Amino acid sequence: MRRLNGTALAVGLVLGLGSLALAQDVVGGPAEAAAEAVPETKPKAKPVDVDKLLDSTRIKAEFFETPLKDVCAYLSEIMSIDILLDPDALTDVNVSADNPITLSITKSEVSARTILELALRQVRFSNKLVAMPKDGLLLITTEVNSYTTVSYPVSDLFNLDPRDMQSRINLVDATAVLDMIKSKVAPESWIDAGGQGSIDLFRTSLIVKNSPQAHREIRDLLTLLRPEPKPVAEAKPMPLHSRRLDRPEAKEPKEPKEPGTEEPATPDPKKNETTIKLIFKVLDVNGDGQLQKDELTNTKIDLAIADKDKDGEISVDEFVEYATNK
């Protein structure tokens, strides 16, 4: 066996370390190579709320025989979102992207939604074209193509517990709400009227299929019908000397009240009046702002009592007074 003396061993170590350093310089070193192998992760961009952007963007605009596609391009630049014209939808309703738009709004700023809706009204068959938010962009398409299905929890409208899987909304109450929505929100869009919109009840939710504009109006209507939240009383700190750390302070038992002596809850007059006016609109089938005898056929409303001025009709103010005092 060959032996290495001290000098030979030292020379070997120096050569070995030099070779290792050279190899690390060539490949960039272990740490650097690992860093290069891991790609940089970029933070995800927050999704754009197109509906909110349409309402919050306030602008002035003036177009003179400007092609529809150029109007969309202008709004796209202002809001920093993509606005696309659905070519198949335009073909279906025989509309060209070069359809001229003339519009002048220079005195005051309005929302971008208003500008777009006014522009689409100048297009032939404009009642069939809508702006539909989709995946962070805005799609100009036909109303039917824009239909989406949305679930609206309504258990709070009927004092039901949404956690109770056995909860069901009373059929009479549900029918009143469904009829109100179909009569006040896009009446011609529902299946009953020959359209393609639908509304159904599943447990404690409304399942609605309709256009984005109809969904906005439904949300607003349900907001009006919902009871106002009760204010939460602010908790006051207890003085240190009055705190009991050993056991809770015993409460004096309340004397039971005799049946019939409980004080009734006081309804909110403002909220009650809003609900009464909505019921008035549902009953006012011909929309003339008055209730005639034939519109009260299936109700228990006494025309003789409610008609204060004895003109044979019930006005909204007379109806509110009648329903409030009944």
C-alpha atoms as a PDB file:
ATOM      1  CA  MET A   1       0.000   0.000   0.000  1.00  0.00           C
ATOM      2  CA  ARG A   2       1.325   3.391  -0.970  1.00  0.00           C
ATOM      3  CA  ARG A   3       1.626   5.984   1.795  1.00  0.00           C
ATOM      4  CA  LEU A   4       1.184   9.746   1.349  1.00  0.00           C
ATOM      5  CA  ASN A   5       3.414  12.039   3.329  1.00  0.00           C
ATOM      6  CA  GLY A   6       2.161  15.305   4.869  1.00  0.00           C
ATOM      7  CA  THR A   7       3.220  17.472   1.954  1.00  0.00           C
ATOM      8  CA  ALA A   8       1.551  15.259  -0.638  1.00  0.00           C
ATOM      9  CA  LEU A   9      -1.665  15.156   1.413  1.00  0.00           C
ATOM     10  CA  ALA A  10      -1.782  18.972   1.724  1.00  0.00           C
ATOM     11  CA  VAL A  11      -1.269  19.390  -2.010  1.00  0.00           C
ATOM     12  CA  GLY A  12      -4.075  16.920  -2.707  1.00  0.00           C
ATOM     13  CA  LEU A  13      -6.522  18.788  -0.457  1.00  0.00           C
ATOM     14  CA  VAL A  14      -5.733  22.130  -2.087  1.00  0.00           C
ATOM     15  CA  LEU A  15      -6.252  20.695  -5.571  1.00  0.00           C
ATOM     16  CA  GLY A  16      -9.511  19.044  -4.524  1.00  0.00           C
ATOM     17  CA  LEU A  17     -10.929  22.224  -2.983  1.00  0.00           C
ATOM     18  CA  GLY A  18      -9.918  24.214  -6.048  1.00  0.00           C
ATOM     19  CA  SER A  19     -11.713  21.777  -8.340  1.00  0.00           C
ATOM     20  CA  LEU A  20     -14.865  21.984  -6.169  1.00  0.00           C
ATOM     21  CA  ALA A  21     -14.817  25.796  -6.219  1.00  0.00           C
ATOM     22  CA  LEU A  22     -14.352  25.775  -9.996  1.00  0.00           C
ATOM     23  CA  ALA A  23     -17.316  23.411 -10.404  1.00  0.00           C
ATOM     24  CA  GLN A  24     -19.506  25.648  -8.240  1.00  0.00           C
ATOM     25  CA  ASP A  25     -18.542  28.706 -10.280  1.00  0.00           C
ATOM     26  CA  VAL A  26     -19.537  26.912 -13.472  1.00  0.00           C
ATOM     27  CA  VAL A  27     -23.019  25.806 -12.272  1.00  0.00           C
ATOM     28  CA  GLY A  28     -23.610  28.853 -10.103  1.00  0.00           C
ATOM     29  CA  GLY A  29     -23.416  27.098  -6.756  1.00  0.00           C
ATOM     30  CA  PRO A  30     -25.997  24.829  -5.090  1.00  0.00           C
ATOM     31  CA  ALA A  31     -28.007  27.667  -3.526  1.00  0.00           C
ATOM     32  CA  GLU A  32     -28.061  29.732  -6.703  1.00  0.00           C
ATOM     33  CA  ALA A  33     -29.020  26.749  -8.842  1.00  0.00           C
ATOM     34  CA  ALA A  34     -31.919  25.924  -6.518  1.00  0.00           C
ATOM     35  CA  ALA A  35     -33.110  29.512  -6.602  1.00  0.00           C
ATOM     36  CA  GLU A  36     -33.066  29.520 -10.414  1.00  0.00           C
ATOM     37  CA  ALA A  37     -35.059  26.272 -10.533  1.00  0.00           C
ATOM     38  CA  VAL A  38     -38.004  27.717  -8.537  1.00  0.00           C
ATOM     39  CA  PRO A  39     -40.139  30.050 -10.663  1.00  0.00           C
ATOM     40  CA  GLU A  40     -41.251  33.344  -9.147  1.00  0.00           C
ATOM     41  CA  THR A  41     -44.899  33.398  -8.043  1.00  0.00           C
ATOM     42  CA  LYS A  42     -46.815  36.559  -8.844  1.00  0.00           C
ATOM     43  CA  PRO A  43     -49.674  37.656  -6.599  1.00  0.00           C
ATOM     44  CA  LYS A  44     -53.104  36.913  -8.092  1.00  0.00           C
ATOM     45  CA  ALA A  45     -54.985  39.942  -9.312  1.00  0.00           C
ATOM     46  CA  LYS A  46     -58.290  40.638  -7.607  1.00  0.00           C
ATOM     47  CA  PRO A  47     -61.322  39.919  -9.819  1.00  0.00           C
ATOM     48  CA  VAL A  48     -62.928  43.032 -11.287  1.00  0.00           C
ATOM     49  CA  ASP A  49     -66.483  43.798 -10.133  1.00  0.00           C
ATOM     50  CA  VAL A  50     -67.813  44.905 -13.511  1.00  0.00           C
ATOM     51  CA  ASP A  51     -71.284  45.758 -12.173  1.00  0.00           C
ATOM     52  CA  LYS A  52     -69.812  48.061  -9.548  1.00  0.00           C
ATOM     53  CA  LEU A  53     -67.451  49.602 -12.091  1.00  0.00           C
ATOM     54  CA  LEU A  54     -70.314  50.388 -14.479  1.00  0.00           C
ATOM     55  CA  ASP A  55     -72.112  52.338 -11.756  1.00  0.00           C
ATOM     56  CA  SER A  56     -69.087  54.040 -10.178  1.00  0.00           C
ATOM     57  CA  THR A  57     -67.487  55.311 -13.416  1.00  0.00           C
ATOM     58  CA  ARG A  58     -68.928  58.797 -14.048  1.00  0.00           C
ATOM     59  CA  ILE A  59     -68.236  60.399 -17.433  1.00  0.00           C
ATOM     60  CA  LYS A  60     -69.467  62.818 -20.092  1.00  0.00           C
ATOM     61  CA  ALA A  61     -69.721  61.620 -23.678  1.00  0.00           C
ATOM     62  CA  GLU A  62     -70.485  62.929 -27.149  1.00  0.00           C
ATOM     63  CA  PHE A  63     -70.839  60.683 -30.214  1.00  0.00           C
ATOM     64  CA  PHE A  64     -71.949  61.638 -33.726  1.00  0.00           C
ATOM     65  CA  GLU A  65     -72.704  58.706 -36.007  1.00  0.00           C
ATOM     66  CA  THR A  66     -69.987  56.761 -34.181  1.00  0.00           C
ATOM     67  CA  PRO A  67     -69.961  53.004 -34.892  1.00  0.00           C
ATOM     68  CA  LEU A  68     -71.183  50.896 -32.000  1.00  0.00           C
ATOM     69  CA  LYS A  69     -67.861  49.042 -31.852  1.00  0.00           C
ATOM     70  CA  ASP A  70     -66.023  52.377 -31.388  1.00  0.00           C
ATOM     71  CA  VAL A  71     -68.380  53.421 -28.587  1.00  0.00           C
ATOM     72  CA  CYS A  72     -67.599  50.137 -26.841  1.00  0.00           C
ATOM     73  CA  ALA A  73     -63.870  50.674 -27.413  1.00  0.00           C
ATOM     74  CA  TYR A  74     -64.105  54.146 -25.842  1.00  0.00           C
ATOM     75  CA  LEU A  75     -65.901  52.838 -22.739  1.00  0.00           C
ATOM     76  CA  SER A  76     -63.444  49.959 -22.567  1.00  0.00           C
ATOM     77  CA  GLU A  77     -60.543  52.412 -22.436  1.00  0.00           C
ATOM     78  CA  ILE A  78     -62.245  54.566 -19.777  1.00  0.00           C
ATOM     79  CA  MET A  79     -63.046  51.636 -17.446  1.00  0.00           C
ATOM     80  CA  SER A  80     -59.915  49.573 -18.234  1.00  0.00           C
ATOM     81  CA  ILE A  81     -61.940  46.444 -18.975  1.00  0.00           C
ATOM     82  CA  ASP A  82     -62.584  44.474 -22.149  1.00  0.00           C
ATOM     83  CA  ILE A  83     -65.961  45.013 -23.844  1.00  0.00           C
ATOM     84  CA  LEU A  84     -66.732  42.381 -26.453  1.00  0.00           C
ATOM     85  CA  LEU A  85     -69.503  42.300 -29.061  1.00  0.00           C
ATOM     86  CA  ASP A  86     -70.922  38.785 -29.414  1.00  0.00           C
ATOM     87  CA  PRO A  87     -70.825  38.269 -33.231  1.00  0.00           C
ATOM     88  CA  ASP A  88     -73.290  35.350 -33.214  1.00  0.00           C
ATOM     89  CA  ALA A  89     -75.759  37.322 -31.089  1.00  0.00           C
ATOM     90  CA  LEU A  90     -75.524  40.358 -33.387  1.00  0.00           C
ATOM     91  CA  THR A  91     -76.157  38.115 -36.386  1.00  0.00           C
ATOM     92  CA  ASP A  92     -79.210  36.567 -34.701  1.00  0.00           C
ATOM     93  CA  VAL A  93     -80.887  39.985 -34.377  1.00  0.00           C
ATOM     94  CA  ASN A  94     -79.482  41.368 -37.644  1.00  0.00           C
ATOM     95  CA  VAL A  95     -77.384  44.073 -35.988  1.00  0.00           C
ATOM     96  CA  SER A  96     -74.046  45.366 -37.291  1.00  0.00           C
ATOM     97  CA  ALA A  97     -71.102  46.402 -35.122  1.00  0.00           C
ATOM     98  CA  ASP A  98     -70.908  49.490 -37.371  1.00  0.00           C
ATOM     99  CA  ASN A  99     -74.394  50.650 -36.386  1.00  0.00           C
ATOM    100  CA  PRO A 100     -74.072  54.471 -35.969  1.00  0.00           C
ATOM    101  CA  ILE A 101     -74.608  55.976 -32.504  1.00  0.00           C
ATOM    102  CA  THR A 102     -75.369  59.668 -31.929  1.00  0.00           C
ATOM    103  CA  LEU A 103     -75.376  60.734 -28.289  1.00  0.00           C
ATOM    104  CA  SER A 104     -74.540  63.975 -26.464  1.00  0.00           C
ATOM    105  CA  ILE A 105     -74.203  64.135 -22.678  1.00  0.00           C
ATOM    106  CA  THR A 106     -72.024  67.149 -21.861  1.00  0.00           C
ATOM    107  CA  LYS A 107     -73.754  69.053 -19.051  1.00  0.00           C
ATOM    108  CA  SER A 108     -73.234  66.587 -16.232  1.00  0.00           C
ATOM    109  CA  GLU A 109     -71.495  63.267 -15.682  1.00  0.00           C
ATOM    110  CA  VAL A 110     -73.520  60.050 -15.739  1.00  0.00           C
ATOM    111  CA  SER A 111     -72.602  56.443 -15.095  1.00  0.00           C
ATOM    112  CA  ALA A 112     -70.957  54.329 -17.783  1.00  0.00           C
ATOM    113  CA  ARG A 113     -73.937  51.956 -17.484  1.00  0.00           C
ATOM    114  CA  THR A 114     -76.288  54.785 -18.512  1.00  0.00           C
ATOM    115  CA  ILE A 115     -74.089  55.691 -21.513  1.00  0.00           C
ATOM    116  CA  LEU A 116     -74.020  52.080 -22.674  1.00  0.00           C
ATOM    117  CA  GLU A 117     -77.767  51.558 -22.214  1.00  0.00           C
ATOM    118  CA  LEU A 118     -78.580  54.759 -24.138  1.00  0.00           C
ATOM    119  CA  ALA A 119     -76.254  53.662 -26.940  1.00  0.00           C
ATOM    120  CA  LEU A 120     -77.840  50.207 -27.186  1.00  0.00           C
ATOM    121  CA  ARG A 121     -81.315  51.757 -27.364  1.00  0.00           C
ATOM    122  CA  GLN A 122     -80.344  53.345 -30.694  1.00  0.00           C
ATOM    123  CA  VAL A 123     -79.521  49.960 -32.157  1.00  0.00           C
ATOM    124  CA  ARG A 124     -82.187  48.104 -34.101  1.00  0.00           C
ATOM    125  CA  PHE A 125     -83.804  45.426 -31.912  1.00  0.00           C
ATOM    126  CA  SER A 126     -82.091  47.152 -28.968  1.00  0.00           C
ATOM    127  CA  ASN A 127     -84.636  45.607 -26.587  1.00  0.00           C
ATOM    128  CA  LYS A 128     -82.922  42.294 -27.308  1.00  0.00           C
ATOM    129  CA  LEU A 129     -79.339  43.482 -26.681  1.00  0.00           C
ATOM    130  CA  VAL A 130     -77.909  43.699 -23.162  1.00  0.00           C
ATOM    131  CA  ALA A 131     -74.530  44.211 -21.506  1.00  0.00           C
ATOM    132  CA  MET A 132     -73.599  41.113 -19.521  1.00  0.00           C
ATOM    133  CA  PRO A 133     -70.703  41.058 -17.002  1.00  0.00           C
ATOM    134  CA  LYS A 134     -68.755  37.816 -17.400  1.00  0.00           C
ATOM    135  CA  ASP A 135     -65.368  36.775 -15.984  1.00  0.00           C
ATOM    136  CA  GLY A 136     -64.155  40.357 -15.515  1.00  0.00           C
ATOM    137  CA  LEU A 137     -65.240  41.598 -18.927  1.00  0.00           C
ATOM    138  CA  LEU A 138     -68.444  42.973 -20.458  1.00  0.00           C
ATOM    139  CA  LEU A 139     -70.208  41.031 -23.206  1.00  0.00           C
ATOM    140  CA  ILE A 140     -72.757  42.680 -25.513  1.00  0.00           C
ATOM    141  CA  THR A 141     -75.166  39.881 -26.380  1.00  0.00           C
ATOM    142  CA  THR A 142     -78.865  39.062 -26.685  1.00  0.00           C
ATOM    143  CA  GLU A 143     -81.052  39.092 -23.598  1.00  0.00           C
ATOM    144  CA  VAL A 144     -81.738  35.347 -23.818  1.00  0.00           C
ATOM    145  CA  ASN A 145     -78.018  34.538 -24.054  1.00  0.00           C
ATOM    146  CA  SER A 146     -77.385  36.615 -20.934  1.00  0.00           C
ATOM    147  CA  TYR A 147     -79.746  34.602 -18.731  1.00  0.00           C
ATOM    148  CA  THR A 148     -78.168  33.209 -15.561  1.00  0.00           C
ATOM    149  CA  THR A 149     -79.635  31.213 -12.669  1.00  0.00           C
ATOM    150  CA  VAL A 150     -79.309  32.692  -9.172  1.00  0.00           C
ATOM    151  CA  SER A 151     -80.453  31.377  -5.781  1.00  0.00           C
ATOM    152  CA  TYR A 152     -81.933  33.947  -3.368  1.00  0.00           C
ATOM    153  CA  PRO A 153     -82.236  32.843   0.296  1.00  0.00           C
ATOM    154  CA  VAL A 154     -85.509  34.271   1.630  1.00  0.00           C
ATOM    155  CA  SER A 155     -85.945  32.475   4.947  1.00  0.00           C
ATOM    156  CA  ASP A 156     -85.724  35.797   6.816  1.00  0.00           C
ATOM    157  CA  LEU A 157     -88.759  37.110   4.922  1.00  0.00           C
ATOM    158  CA  PHE A 158     -90.890  34.350   6.411  1.00  0.00           C
ATOM    159  CA  ASN A 159     -89.257  34.017   9.874  1.00  0.00           C
ATOM    160  CA  LEU A 160     -87.803  30.578   9.097  1.00  0.00           C
ATOM    161  CA  ASP A 161     -84.557  29.024  10.297  1.00  0.00           C
ATOM    162  CA  PRO A 162     -82.304  28.417   7.231  1.00  0.00           C
ATOM    163  CA  ARG A 163     -80.434  25.690   9.176  1.00  0.00           C
ATOM    164  CA  ASP A 164     -83.609  23.625   9.542  1.00  0.00           C
ATOM    165  CA  MET A 165     -83.666  21.299   6.544  1.00  0.00           C
ATOM    166  CA  GLN A 166     -87.370  20.652   7.132  1.00  0.00           C
ATOM    167  CA  SER A 167     -88.315  24.328   6.843  1.00  0.00           C
ATOM    168  CA  ARG A 168     -90.795  25.094   4.087  1.00  0.00           C
ATOM    169  CA  ILE A 169     -92.327  28.413   3.109  1.00  0.00           C
ATOM    170  CA  ASN A 170     -96.097  28.656   3.317  1.00  0.00           C
ATOM    171  CA  LEU A 171     -97.483  28.195  -0.198  1.00  0.00           C
ATOM    172  CA  VAL A 172     -99.849  31.171   0.061  1.00  0.00           C
ATOM    173  CA  ASP A 173     -97.055  33.518   1.210  1.00  0.00           C
ATOM    174  CA  ALA A 174     -94.675  32.184  -1.430  1.00  0.00           C
ATOM    175  CA  THR A 175     -97.229  32.655  -4.208  1.00  0.00           C
ATOM    176  CA  ALA A 176     -97.719  36.292  -3.193  1.00  0.00           C
ATOM    177  CA  VAL A 177     -93.969  36.969  -3.408  1.00  0.00           C
ATOM    178  CA  LEU A 178     -93.590  35.119  -6.734  1.00  0.00           C
ATOM    179  CA  ASP A 179     -96.531  37.000  -8.263  1.00  0.00           C
ATOM    180  CA  MET A 180     -95.122  40.310  -7.026  1.00  0.00           C
ATOM    181  CA  ILE A 181     -91.734  39.645  -8.635  1.00  0.00           C
ATOM    182  CA  LYS A 182     -93.222  38.526 -11.951  1.00  0.00           C
ATOM    183  CA  SER A 183     -95.545  41.530 -12.121  1.00  0.00           C
ATOM    184  CA  LYS A 184     -92.931  44.155 -11.189  1.00  0.00           C
ATOM    185  CA  VAL A 185     -89.683  42.806 -12.680  1.00  0.00           C
ATOM    186  CA  ALA A 186     -89.485  42.363 -16.475  1.00  0.00           C
ATOM    187  CA  PRO A 187     -93.119  41.139 -16.752  1.00  0.00           C
ATOM    188  CA  GLU A 188     -92.772  39.965 -20.373  1.00  0.00           C
ATOM    189  CA  SER A 189     -89.655  37.853 -19.674  1.00  0.00           C
ATOM    190  CA  TRP A 190     -91.315  35.051 -17.670  1.00  0.00           C
ATOM    191  CA  ILE A 191     -92.543  31.742 -19.099  1.00  0.00           C
ATOM    192  CA  ASP A 192     -96.133  32.604 -18.117  1.00  0.00           C
ATOM    193  CA  ALA A 193     -95.955  35.625 -20.453  1.00  0.00           C
ATOM    194  CA  GLY A 194     -94.278  33.773 -23.327  1.00  0.00           C
ATOM    195  CA  GLY A 195     -90.657  34.507 -22.329  1.00  0.00           C
ATOM    196  CA  GLN A 196     -87.901  32.189 -21.152  1.00  0.00           C
ATOM    197  CA  GLY A 197     -87.368  33.445 -17.596  1.00  0.00           C
ATOM    198  CA  SER A 198     -88.322  31.185 -14.700  1.00  0.00           C
ATOM    199  CA  ILE A 199     -88.762  31.479 -10.943  1.00  0.00           C
ATOM    200  CA  ASP A 200     -89.281  28.551  -8.558  1.00  0.00           C
ATOM    201  CA  LEU A 201     -89.282  27.888  -4.840  1.00  0.00           C
ATOM    202  CA  PHE A 202     -86.911  25.310  -3.302  1.00  0.00           C
ATOM    203  CA  ARG A 203     -87.111  24.956   0.477  1.00  0.00           C
ATOM    204  CA  THR A 204     -86.248  28.442   1.740  1.00  0.00           C
ATOM    205  CA  SER A 205     -84.755  29.886  -1.476  1.00  0.00           C
ATOM    206  CA  LEU A 206     -86.002  31.372  -4.716  1.00  0.00           C
ATOM    207  CA  ILE A 207     -84.338  29.932  -7.830  1.00  0.00           C
ATOM    208  CA  VAL A 208     -84.488  32.547 -10.596  1.00  0.00           C
ATOM    209  CA  LYS A 209     -83.337  32.382 -14.212  1.00  0.00           C
ATOM    210  CA  ASN A 210     -83.350  35.738 -15.982  1.00  0.00           C
ATOM    211  CA  SER A 211     -81.206  38.579 -17.344  1.00  0.00           C
ATOM    212  CA  PRO A 212     -78.635  40.576 -15.308  1.00  0.00           C
ATOM    213  CA  GLN A 213     -80.953  43.612 -15.255  1.00  0.00           C
ATOM    214  CA  ALA A 214     -83.821  41.483 -13.908  1.00  0.00           C
ATOM    215  CA  HIS A 215     -81.559  40.056 -11.190  1.00  0.00           C
ATOM    216  CA  ARG A 216     -80.586  43.585 -10.097  1.00  0.00           C
ATOM    217  CA  GLU A 217     -84.255  44.586  -9.822  1.00  0.00           C
ATOM    218  CA  ILE A 218     -85.084  41.397  -7.885  1.00  0.00           C
ATOM    219  CA  ARG A 219     -82.298  42.108  -5.382  1.00  0.00           C
ATOM    220  CA  ASP A 220     -83.636  45.648  -4.903  1.00  0.00           C
ATOM    221  CA  LEU A 221     -87.206  44.395  -4.411  1.00  0.00           C
ATOM    222  CA  LEU A 222     -86.174  41.757  -1.868  1.00  0.00           C
ATOM    223  CA  THR A 223     -84.187  44.414  -0.003  1.00  0.00           C
ATOM    224  CA  LEU A 224     -87.361  46.485   0.303  1.00  0.00           C
ATOM    225  CA  LEU A 225     -89.316  43.508   1.607  1.00  0.00           C
ATOM    226  CA  ARG A 226     -86.723  42.462   4.188  1.00  0.00           C
ATOM    227  CA  PRO A 227     -87.251  43.575   7.790  1.00  0.00           C
ATOM    228  CA  GLU A 228     -84.847  46.198   9.050  1.00  0.00           C
ATOM    229  CA  PRO A 229     -82.157  44.773  11.388  1.00  0.00           C
ATOM    230  CA  LYS A 230     -82.644  45.595  15.033  1.00  0.00           C
ATOM    231  CA  PRO A 231     -79.966  47.917  16.475  1.00  0.00           C
ATOM    232  CA  VAL A 232     -77.508  46.206  18.808  1.00  0.00           C
ATOM    233  CA  ALA A 233     -77.219  47.921  22.187  1.00  0.00           C
ATOM    234  CA  GLU A 234     -73.663  48.941  23.034  1.00  0.00           C
ATOM    235  CA  ALA A 235     -72.296  46.970  25.994  1.00  0.00           C
ATOM    236  CA  LYS A 236     -71.246  49.181  28.870  1.00  0.00           C
ATOM    237  CA  PRO A 237     -68.220  48.140  30.991  1.00  0.00           C
ATOM    238  CA  MET A 238     -69.090  47.014  34.501  1.00  0.00           C
ATOM    239  CA  PRO A 239     -67.408  48.938  37.353  1.00  0.00           C
ATOM    240  CA  LEU A 240     -64.557  46.978  38.865  1.00  0.00           C
ATOM    241  CA  HIS A 241     -65.964  47.084  42.394  1.00  0.00           C
ATOM    242  CA  SER A 242     -69.276  45.568  41.258  1.00  0.00           C
ATOM    243  CA  ARG A 243     -67.810  42.540  39.466  1.00  0.00           C
ATOM    244  CA  ARG A 244     -68.305  39.169  41.095  1.00  0.00           C
ATOM    245  CA  LEU A 245     -65.466  36.819  40.239  1.00  0.00           C
ATOM    246  CA  ASP A 246     -66.562  33.888  42.385  1.00  0.00           C
ATOM    247  CA  ARG A 247     -70.029  33.210  40.976  1.00  0.00           C
ATOM    248  CA  PRO A 248     -72.583  34.939  38.801  1.00  0.00           C
ATOM    249  CA  GLU A 249     -75.068  37.154  40.529  1.00  0.00           C
ATOM    250  CA  ALA A 250     -78.409  35.488  41.055  1.00  0.00           C
ATOM    251  CA  LYS A 251     -81.283  36.982  39.063  1.00  0.00           C
ATOM    252  CA  GLU A 252     -84.652  37.565  40.608  1.00  0.00           C
ATOM    253  CA  PRO A 253     -87.322  35.360  39.019  1.00  0.00           C
ATOM    254  CA  LYS A 254     -89.838  37.240  36.901  1.00  0.00           C
ATOM    255  CA  GLU A 255     -93.463  36.971  37.825  1.00  0.00           C
ATOM    256  CA  PRO A 256     -95.464  35.202  35.124  1.00  0.00           C
ATOM    257  CA  LYS A 257     -97.844  37.489  33.273  1.00  0.00           C
ATOM    258  CA  GLU A 258    -101.475  36.612  32.897  1.00  0.00           C
ATOM    259  CA  PRO A 259    -102.554  35.520  29.414  1.00  0.00           C
ATOM    260  CA  GLY A 260    -103.587  38.438  27.251  1.00  0.00           C
ATOM    261  CA  THR A 261    -101.604  41.033  29.207  1.00  0.00           C
ATOM    262  CA  GLU A 262     -98.418  40.847  27.121  1.00  0.00           C
ATOM    263  CA  GLU A 263     -97.548  44.073  25.326  1.00  0.00           C
ATOM    264  CA  PRO A 264     -97.675  43.620  21.534  1.00  0.00           C
ATOM    265  CA  ALA A 265     -94.549  44.387  19.525  1.00  0.00           C
ATOM    266  CA  THR A 266     -94.634  47.812  17.896  1.00  0.00           C
ATOM    267  CA  PRO A 267     -94.136  47.534  14.115  1.00  0.00           C
ATOM    268  CA  ASP A 268     -91.889  49.920  12.277  1.00  0.00           C
ATOM    269  CA  PRO A 269     -94.329  52.370  10.610  1.00  0.00           C
ATOM    270  CA  LYS A 270     -91.875  53.263   7.820  1.00  0.00           C
ATOM    271  CA  LYS A 271     -91.214  49.632   6.904  1.00  0.00           C
ATOM    272  CA  ASN A 272     -94.911  48.769   7.236  1.00  0.00           C
ATOM    273  CA  GLU A 273     -95.867  51.577   4.827  1.00  0.00           C
ATOM    274  CA  THR A 274     -93.310  50.376   2.264  1.00  0.00           C
ATOM    275  CA  THR A 275     -94.754  46.856   2.358  1.00  0.00           C
ATOM    276  CA  ILE A 276     -98.331  48.186   2.063  1.00  0.00           C
ATOM    277  CA  LYS A 277     -97.389  50.240  -1.007  1.00  0.00           C
ATOM    278  CA  LEU A 278     -95.837  47.171  -2.639  1.00  0.00           C
ATOM    279  CA  ILE A 279     -99.052  45.224  -2.013  1.00  0.00           C
ATOM    280  CA  PHE A 280    -100.978  48.151  -3.569  1.00  0.00           C
ATOM    281  CA  LYS A 281     -98.840  47.896  -6.730  1.00  0.00           C
ATOM    282  CA  VAL A 282     -99.542  44.155  -6.981  1.00  0.00           C
ATOM    283  CA  LEU A 283    -103.314  44.724  -6.684  1.00  0.00           C
ATOM    284  CA  ASP A 284    -103.241  47.626  -9.165  1.00  0.00           C
ATOM    285  CA  VAL A 285    -103.431  45.378 -12.226  1.00  0.00           C
ATOM    286  CA  ASN A 286    -104.051  48.107 -14.806  1.00  0.00           C
ATOM    287  CA  GLY A 287    -101.360  50.357 -13.289  1.00  0.00           C
ATOM    288  CA  ASP A 288    -103.492  53.529 -13.122  1.00  0.00           C
ATOM    289  CA  GLY A 289    -102.593  54.281  -9.492  1.00  0.00           C
ATOM    290  CA  GLN A 290    -106.143  53.532  -8.267  1.00  0.00           C
ATOM    291  CA  LEU A 291    -107.872  50.354  -7.065  1.00  0.00           C
ATOM    292  CA  GLN A 292    -111.259  49.725  -8.667  1.00  0.00           C
ATOM    293  CA  LYS A 293    -113.960  47.320  -7.517  1.00  0.00           C
ATOM    294  CA  ASP A 294    -113.010  44.607 -10.007  1.00  0.00           C
ATOM    295  CA  GLU A 295    -109.390  44.632  -8.727  1.00  0.00           C
ATOM    296  CA  LEU A 296    -110.617  43.880  -5.199  1.00  0.00           C
ATOM    297  CA  THR A 297    -112.697  40.820  -6.163  1.00  0.00           C
ATOM    298  CA  ASN A 298    -110.490  38.206  -4.462  1.00  0.00           C
ATOM    299  CA  THR A 299    -109.572  40.338  -1.441  1.00  0.00           C
ATOM    300  CA  LYS A 300    -111.210  41.202   1.878  1.00  0.00           C
ATOM    301  CA  ILE A 301    -110.749  44.942   1.349  1.00  0.00           C
ATOM    302  CA  ASP A 302    -113.932  46.926   2.039  1.00  0.00           C
ATOM    303  CA  LEU A 303    -114.207  49.542  -0.705  1.00  0.00           C
ATOM    304  CA  ALA A 304    -116.837  51.553   1.165  1.00  0.00           C
ATOM    305  CA  ILE A 305    -114.565  51.983   4.184  1.00  0.00           C
ATOM    306  CA  ALA A 306    -111.249  52.482   2.359  1.00  0.00           C
ATOM    307  CA  ASP A 307    -112.651  54.996  -0.165  1.00  0.00           C
ATOM    308  CA  LYS A 308    -112.483  58.128   2.002  1.00  0.00           C
ATOM    309  CA  ASP A 309    -113.366  60.656  -0.718  1.00  0.00           C
ATOM    310  CA  LYS A 310    -116.197  58.437  -2.069  1.00  0.00           C
ATOM    311  CA  ASP A 311    -115.084  58.615  -5.704  1.00  0.00           C
ATOM    312  CA  GLY A 312    -115.511  54.877  -6.200  1.00  0.00           C
ATOM    313  CA  GLU A 313    -111.738  54.188  -6.205  1.00  0.00           C
ATOM    314  CA  ILE A 314    -108.990  53.694  -3.622  1.00  0.00           C
ATOM    315  CA  SER A 315    -105.861  55.814  -3.944  1.00  0.00           C
ATOM    316  CA  VAL A 316    -102.489  54.708  -2.566  1.00  0.00           C
ATOM    317  CA  ASP A 317    -102.811  57.096   0.392  1.00  0.00           C
ATOM    318  CA  GLU A 318    -106.299  55.806   1.182  1.00  0.00           C
ATOM    319  CA  PHE A 319    -105.006  52.229   0.942  1.00  0.00           C
ATOM    320  CA  VAL A 320    -102.091  52.936   3.300  1.00  0.00           C
ATOM    321  CA  GLU A 321    -104.424  54.549   5.858  1.00  0.00           C
ATOM    322  CA  TYR A 322    -106.930  51.693   5.547  1.00  0.00           C
ATOM    323  CA  ALA A 323    -104.315  48.930   5.898  1.00  0.00           C
ATOM    324  CA  THR A 324    -102.507  50.696   8.766  1.00  0.00           C
ATOM    325  CA  ASN A 325    -105.645  51.187  10.874  1.00  0.00           C
ATOM    326  CA  LYS A 326    -107.218  47.841  10.107  1.00  0.00           C
END
